[in-house]
Amino acid sequence: EVQLQASGGGLVQPGESLRLSCATSGFPFRTSVMSWVRQAPGKEQEWVATLYANGDRTIYASSVKGRFTISRDTALNTLYLQMNSLKPEDTAVYYCAQGTNRGQGTLVTVSS
């Protein structure tokens, strides 16, 4: 059974940073394409970033490029999202995703 559990969210002020983690199990994490998606209140889900398995190529949504970094630790089967220079519009529930699987999310609130 695929399990994806995001953590690390919280309330931060604009300009601050957070690092999200996603503990995974039940699939070959090392060779899987992994993504972060988010959903703001009252809005549709938005793709944030993807990490490919071959060579660890990464791609980002234009709204977060240059501020967010997706990475993985294959020894821990954990996916990360380093978020810098956070903005109020980054407020959302963040989920990690593997294929069509999306686990429990973590809430990020950016507010002064």
Protein backbone atom coordinates (compact mmCIF):
# COMPACT_ATOMS: atom_id res chain seq x y z
CA GLU A 1 0.00 0.00 0.00
CA VAL A 2 1.34 3.38 -1.02
CA GLN A 3 1.66 5.73 1.93
CA LEU A 4 2.56 9.41 1.71
CA GLN A 5 2.59 11.57 4.84
CA ALA A 6 3.52 15.21 4.56
CA SER A 7 4.66 17.27 7.54
CA GLY A 8 6.44 20.49 8.40
CA GLY A 9 3.75 23.02 7.68
CA GLY A 10 2.91 25.93 9.91
CA LEU A 11 2.30 29.64 10.21
CA VAL A 12 5.07 31.89 8.95
CA GLN A 13 5.46 35.52 7.99
CA PRO A 14 6.07 36.67 4.42
CA GLY A 15 9.71 36.27 3.46
CA GLU A 16 10.35 33.41 5.85
CA SER A 17 11.19 29.80 5.02
CA LEU A 18 9.82 26.33 5.71
CA ARG A 19 10.93 22.84 4.80
CA LEU A 20 8.25 20.26 4.17
CA SER A 21 8.92 16.55 4.45
CA CYS A 22 7.00 13.59 3.05
CA ALA A 23 7.59 10.16 4.51
CA THR A 24 6.86 7.45 1.98
CA SER A 25 6.45 3.69 1.87
CA GLY A 26 4.89 0.95 -0.21
CA PHE A 27 6.57 1.66 -3.56
CA PRO A 28 10.10 1.96 -5.02
CA PHE A 29 10.85 5.49 -3.90
CA ARG A 30 14.32 5.63 -5.43
CA THR A 31 13.01 5.09 -8.96
CA SER A 32 9.72 6.94 -8.69
CA VAL A 33 8.80 10.33 -10.09
CA MET A 34 7.70 12.44 -7.14
CA SER A 35 5.81 15.70 -6.99
CA TRP A 36 4.47 18.31 -4.65
CA VAL A 37 1.04 19.79 -5.26
CA ARG A 38 -0.97 22.28 -3.25
CA GLN A 39 -4.53 23.36 -2.79
CA ALA A 40 -5.47 26.77 -1.50
CA PRO A 41 -8.82 27.34 0.21
CA GLY A 42 -11.57 27.48 -2.35
CA LYS A 43 -9.23 26.80 -5.26
CA GLU A 44 -8.33 23.85 -7.43
CA GLN A 45 -5.25 21.77 -6.87
CA GLU A 46 -2.07 23.30 -8.28
CA TRP A 47 1.07 21.45 -9.30
CA VAL A 48 4.18 22.85 -7.60
CA ALA A 49 7.23 20.76 -8.48
CA THR A 50 8.37 17.39 -9.81
CA LEU A 51 11.53 15.39 -9.21
CA TYR A 52 12.47 12.76 -11.77
CA ALA A 53 14.32 9.61 -10.86
CA ASN A 54 16.91 9.56 -13.64
CA GLY A 55 19.52 12.12 -12.75
CA ASP A 56 17.15 13.83 -10.36
CA ARG A 57 15.98 16.38 -12.91
CA THR A 58 13.55 18.89 -11.43
CA ILE A 59 10.85 21.16 -12.81
CA TYR A 60 8.86 23.87 -11.06
CA ALA A 61 5.73 25.89 -11.50
CA SER A 62 6.54 29.42 -12.56
CA SER A 63 4.93 30.74 -9.38
CA VAL A 64 7.56 29.03 -7.20
CA LYS A 65 10.61 28.74 -9.46
CA GLY A 66 13.68 30.20 -7.82
CA ARG A 67 12.11 30.07 -4.36
CA PHE A 68 11.27 26.38 -3.83
CA THR A 69 13.54 23.34 -4.11
CA ILE A 70 12.37 19.74 -4.32
CA SER A 71 14.74 16.98 -3.24
CA ARG A 72 14.79 13.46 -1.89
CA ASP A 73 16.72 11.31 0.57
CA THR A 74 16.61 7.78 -0.77
CA ALA A 75 18.07 6.35 2.44
CA LEU A 76 15.10 7.71 4.38
CA ASN A 77 12.48 7.33 1.63
CA THR A 78 11.63 10.96 2.24
CA LEU A 79 10.77 13.75 -0.16
CA TYR A 80 11.41 17.38 0.73
CA LEU A 81 10.26 20.80 -0.36
CA GLN A 82 12.41 23.70 0.76
CA MET A 83 10.35 26.87 0.52
CA ASN A 84 12.09 30.23 0.75
CA SER A 85 10.82 33.78 0.43
CA LEU A 86 7.30 32.66 1.18
CA LYS A 87 4.41 34.82 0.05
CA PRO A 88 0.80 35.01 1.24
CA GLU A 89 -0.28 33.41 -2.03
CA ASP A 90 1.71 30.30 -1.07
CA THR A 91 -0.87 29.61 1.63
CA ALA A 92 -2.32 26.16 0.94
CA VAL A 93 -2.41 22.55 2.00
CA TYR A 94 0.65 20.89 0.49
CA TYR A 95 0.65 17.25 -0.58
CA CYS A 96 3.30 14.97 -1.94
CA ALA A 97 2.25 12.79 -4.83
CA GLN A 98 3.45 9.63 -6.55
CA GLY A 99 1.61 8.93 -9.77
CA THR A 100 -2.07 9.34 -8.97
CA ASN A 101 -1.47 8.81 -5.26
CA ARG A 102 -1.72 11.81 -2.98
CA GLY A 103 -1.23 11.42 0.72
CA GLN A 104 -2.22 13.46 3.72
CA GLY A 105 -1.23 17.07 3.40
CA THR A 106 0.28 19.71 5.63
CA LEU A 107 -1.06 23.23 5.97
CA VAL A 108 1.20 26.18 5.19
CA THR A 109 -0.08 29.62 6.15
CA VAL A 110 1.86 32.71 5.18
CA SER A 111 0.54 35.78 6.92
CA SER A 112 1.75 38.84 8.75
